Amino acid sequence: MSYRDVFGEILADHYESPRNFGKIDHPTKVEQGYNPLCGDQVAVSVLVKDAESACPMIDQCSFEGEGCSICLASASMMTELVKGHSREEALQLIEAFRQKMQGAENVPGLPSDTSEEDLVALYGIRRFPVRIKCALLAWTTLKKALDA
């Protein structure tokens, strides 16, 4: 059985053709994340526009690394989702996604289970508790970058 059979076409697409994979020229912050249980490693780069203003905006977000299909697909989806959001909005999205992955059903700010959004494909990972850390790695790494 392939990961396509288990996790679906959307995850396979983001894994095989990750969005925003690579480096950002002159990022505001780069953070490293590592999952020792799986061996996943990511570096998340973020370029925050007007970083010193009252409402800094995420202009660019990218990642590099290697790991399982869940980790890399999740990182790809995350970078797409947070671009154009304020720092505070991105932190709220990160927390909402963490809650969703840890079992919360109706989480404000996230697409519903019936939505056509790519992120919904990750919700099924909750059936495999050992893989939740894989899905969360890029998100917690971005949180460290935005909190710094």
Protein backbone atom coordinates (compact mmCIF):
# COMPACT_ATOMS: atom_id res chain seq x y z
CA MET A 1 0.00 0.00 0.00
CA SER A 2 1.43 3.41 -0.97
CA TYR A 3 1.17 6.63 0.98
CA ARG A 4 -1.23 7.81 -1.78
CA ASP A 5 -3.63 5.03 -0.73
CA VAL A 6 -3.38 5.92 2.94
CA PHE A 7 -3.22 9.72 2.87
CA GLY A 8 -4.69 10.69 -0.48
CA GLU A 9 -3.92 12.63 -3.55
CA ILE A 10 -3.73 16.06 -1.91
CA LEU A 11 -0.98 15.01 0.50
CA ALA A 12 0.84 13.21 -2.30
CA ASP A 13 0.69 16.34 -4.47
CA HIS A 14 2.12 18.56 -1.72
CA TYR A 15 4.82 15.98 -0.95
CA GLU A 16 5.85 15.45 -4.57
CA SER A 17 5.54 19.13 -5.57
CA PRO A 18 5.99 21.10 -2.36
CA ARG A 19 5.01 24.74 -2.45
CA ASN A 20 7.50 27.31 -1.17
CA PHE A 21 10.34 24.81 -0.84
CA GLY A 22 13.69 26.59 -0.70
CA LYS A 23 15.31 29.62 0.82
CA ILE A 24 14.06 33.16 1.10
CA ASP A 25 16.53 35.92 0.31
CA HIS A 26 17.11 37.95 3.47
CA PRO A 27 14.51 36.31 5.74
CA THR A 28 13.41 37.99 8.93
CA LYS A 29 13.89 34.72 10.80
CA VAL A 30 14.90 31.09 10.19
CA GLU A 31 14.16 28.35 12.71
CA GLN A 32 15.12 24.69 12.72
CA GLY A 33 12.79 21.90 13.75
CA TYR A 34 13.55 18.24 14.37
CA ASN A 35 11.37 15.25 15.20
CA PRO A 36 13.61 12.57 16.74
CA LEU A 37 10.82 9.97 16.62
CA CYS A 38 10.64 10.07 12.84
CA GLY A 39 13.86 11.80 11.81
CA ASP A 40 12.02 14.70 10.15
CA GLN A 41 14.03 17.91 9.88
CA VAL A 42 12.75 21.26 8.66
CA ALA A 43 14.06 24.78 8.46
CA VAL A 44 11.27 27.35 8.21
CA SER A 45 12.11 30.80 6.86
CA VAL A 46 9.81 33.76 7.16
CA LEU A 47 9.96 37.27 5.76
CA VAL A 48 7.81 39.62 7.81
CA LYS A 49 6.92 42.92 6.20
CA ASP A 50 6.85 45.90 8.57
CA ALA A 51 8.21 43.71 11.37
CA GLU A 52 8.39 46.66 13.77
CA SER A 53 4.90 47.97 13.02
CA ALA A 54 1.75 47.34 15.03
CA CYS A 55 0.55 44.84 12.42
CA PRO A 56 3.48 42.96 10.86
CA MET A 57 2.48 40.85 7.84
CA ILE A 58 3.98 37.60 6.60
CA ASP A 59 5.17 38.41 3.10
CA GLN A 60 6.93 35.10 2.43
CA CYS A 61 7.22 31.75 4.16
CA SER A 62 9.26 28.81 2.94
CA PHE A 63 10.80 25.62 4.19
CA GLU A 64 13.63 23.23 3.50
CA GLY A 65 14.32 19.83 4.92
CA GLU A 66 13.75 16.18 4.63
CA GLY A 67 11.31 13.86 6.22
CA CYS A 68 8.23 11.79 5.76
CA SER A 69 5.47 12.67 3.34
CA ILE A 70 3.21 13.95 6.12
CA CYS A 71 5.82 16.35 7.46
CA LEU A 72 6.72 17.81 4.08
CA ALA A 73 3.14 18.00 2.80
CA SER A 74 2.08 19.75 6.01
CA ALA A 75 4.95 22.24 5.68
CA SER A 76 3.93 22.96 2.10
CA MET A 77 0.31 23.59 3.09
CA MET A 78 1.33 25.73 6.04
CA THR A 79 3.51 28.04 3.93
CA GLU A 80 0.62 28.58 1.52
CA LEU A 81 -1.85 29.27 4.31
CA VAL A 82 0.10 31.84 6.34
CA LYS A 83 1.33 34.09 3.53
CA GLY A 84 -0.48 37.40 3.57
CA HIS A 85 -1.60 37.01 7.18
CA SER A 86 -0.51 39.14 10.09
CA ARG A 87 1.84 37.67 12.67
CA GLU A 88 -1.06 37.42 15.14
CA GLU A 89 -3.33 35.73 12.59
CA ALA A 90 -0.59 33.21 11.78
CA LEU A 91 -0.09 32.43 15.47
CA GLN A 92 -3.85 31.88 15.80
CA LEU A 93 -3.80 29.54 12.77
CA ILE A 94 -0.90 27.59 14.28
CA GLU A 95 -2.74 27.17 17.58
CA ALA A 96 -5.99 26.23 15.84
CA PHE A 97 -4.21 23.61 13.73
CA ARG A 98 -2.51 22.18 16.84
CA GLN A 99 -5.90 21.90 18.56
CA LYS A 100 -7.45 20.25 15.50
CA MET A 101 -4.64 17.71 15.24
CA GLN A 102 -5.01 16.91 18.93
CA GLY A 103 -8.68 16.04 18.53
CA ALA A 104 -10.74 19.22 18.73
CA GLU A 105 -13.71 19.01 16.37
CA ASN A 106 -14.90 22.53 15.55
CA VAL A 107 -11.95 24.89 15.60
CA PRO A 108 -12.68 28.49 14.58
CA GLY A 109 -10.35 29.83 11.91
CA LEU A 110 -9.71 26.52 10.14
CA PRO A 111 -11.51 24.96 7.20
CA SER A 112 -14.20 22.49 8.25
CA ASP A 113 -13.87 18.76 7.63
CA THR A 114 -16.14 19.11 4.60
CA SER A 115 -14.21 21.98 3.02
CA GLU A 116 -12.37 21.64 -0.27
CA GLU A 117 -9.26 23.25 1.25
CA ASP A 118 -6.06 21.21 0.99
CA LEU A 119 -5.45 21.49 4.73
CA VAL A 120 -8.48 19.27 5.40
CA ALA A 121 -6.52 16.32 3.98
CA LEU A 122 -4.24 16.49 7.03
CA TYR A 123 -7.10 16.07 9.49
CA GLY A 124 -7.18 12.32 8.80
CA ILE A 125 -3.69 12.02 10.30
CA ARG A 126 -5.36 12.20 13.72
CA ARG A 127 -6.25 8.51 13.25
CA PHE A 128 -2.50 7.78 13.54
CA PRO A 129 -1.42 9.44 16.82
CA VAL A 130 2.27 8.69 16.29
CA ARG A 131 2.15 10.76 13.06
CA ILE A 132 0.63 13.91 14.59
CA LYS A 133 4.11 15.20 15.49
CA CYS A 134 5.07 14.82 11.82
CA ALA A 135 2.15 17.01 10.77
CA LEU A 136 2.86 19.60 13.48
CA LEU A 137 6.64 19.96 13.07
CA ALA A 138 6.67 22.80 10.53
CA TRP A 139 3.89 24.60 12.38
CA THR A 140 5.67 24.53 15.75
CA THR A 141 8.88 25.60 14.00
CA LEU A 142 7.10 28.59 12.43
CA LYS A 143 5.69 29.46 15.86
CA LYS A 144 9.24 29.57 17.25
CA ALA A 145 10.22 31.89 14.40
CA LEU A 146 7.29 34.23 14.99
CA ASP A 147 7.73 34.23 18.77
CA ALA A 148 11.41 35.21 18.56
